[in-house]
Amino acid sequence: MFYKNIKKGFRNNYRHTSVGITKKGIDAFEEYVEAIKQYIK
């Protein structure tokens, strides 16, 4: 199960790392937020 995308490469002769969230990551985060909301109530 992958929650993030990591792409490593070069941009203008400098190392560049790009990180993004996947659909599964978004779904897992939303589920986590709902669980926290229920816990607070």
C-alpha atoms as a PDB file:
ATOM      1  CA  MET A   1       0.000   0.000   0.000  1.00  0.00           C
ATOM      2  CA  PHE A   2       1.609   3.253  -1.138  1.00  0.00           C
ATOM      3  CA  TYR A   3       0.531   6.619   0.207  1.00  0.00           C
ATOM      4  CA  LYS A   4       3.073   8.827  -1.524  1.00  0.00           C
ATOM      5  CA  ASN A   5       4.928   9.158  -4.811  1.00  0.00           C
ATOM      6  CA  ILE A   6       8.598  10.078  -4.792  1.00  0.00           C
ATOM      7  CA  LYS A   7      10.398  11.095  -7.965  1.00  0.00           C
ATOM      8  CA  LYS A   8      14.116  11.823  -7.915  1.00  0.00           C
ATOM      9  CA  GLY A   9      15.978  13.437 -10.730  1.00  0.00           C
ATOM     10  CA  PHE A  10      17.786  16.560 -11.850  1.00  0.00           C
ATOM     11  CA  ARG A  11      16.539  20.045 -12.657  1.00  0.00           C
ATOM     12  CA  ASN A  12      18.980  22.600 -14.043  1.00  0.00           C
ATOM     13  CA  ASN A  13      21.931  20.352 -13.071  1.00  0.00           C
ATOM     14  CA  TYR A  14      20.770  20.181  -9.427  1.00  0.00           C
ATOM     15  CA  ARG A  15      19.240  17.225  -7.650  1.00  0.00           C
ATOM     16  CA  HIS A  16      15.477  17.482  -7.393  1.00  0.00           C
ATOM     17  CA  THR A  17      13.072  15.355  -5.362  1.00  0.00           C
ATOM     18  CA  SER A  18       9.329  15.630  -5.859  1.00  0.00           C
ATOM     19  CA  VAL A  19       6.881  14.130  -3.349  1.00  0.00           C
ATOM     20  CA  GLY A  20       3.134  13.749  -3.883  1.00  0.00           C
ATOM     21  CA  ILE A  21       0.221  11.930  -2.279  1.00  0.00           C
ATOM     22  CA  THR A  22      -1.593   9.062  -3.995  1.00  0.00           C
ATOM     23  CA  LYS A  23      -5.334   8.407  -4.089  1.00  0.00           C
ATOM     24  CA  LYS A  24      -4.854   5.676  -1.464  1.00  0.00           C
ATOM     25  CA  GLY A  25      -2.982   8.174   0.707  1.00  0.00           C
ATOM     26  CA  ILE A  26      -5.780  10.719   0.441  1.00  0.00           C
ATOM     27  CA  ASP A  27      -8.376   8.072   1.295  1.00  0.00           C
ATOM     28  CA  ALA A  28      -6.359   6.867   4.302  1.00  0.00           C
ATOM     29  CA  PHE A  29      -5.906  10.435   5.570  1.00  0.00           C
ATOM     30  CA  GLU A  30      -9.621  11.195   5.246  1.00  0.00           C
ATOM     31  CA  GLU A  31     -10.426   7.988   7.121  1.00  0.00           C
ATOM     32  CA  TYR A  32      -7.974   9.022   9.847  1.00  0.00           C
ATOM     33  CA  VAL A  33      -9.564  12.487  10.138  1.00  0.00           C
ATOM     34  CA  GLU A  34     -13.029  10.943  10.489  1.00  0.00           C
ATOM     35  CA  ALA A  35     -11.764   8.595  13.208  1.00  0.00           C
ATOM     36  CA  ILE A  36     -10.286  11.547  15.110  1.00  0.00           C
ATOM     37  CA  LYS A  37     -13.566  13.474  14.769  1.00  0.00           C
ATOM     38  CA  GLN A  38     -15.491  10.503  16.206  1.00  0.00           C
ATOM     39  CA  TYR A  39     -13.004  10.196  19.044  1.00  0.00           C
ATOM     40  CA  ILE A  40     -13.375  13.887  19.960  1.00  0.00           C
ATOM     41  CA  LYS A  41     -17.189  13.643  20.068  1.00  0.00           C
END
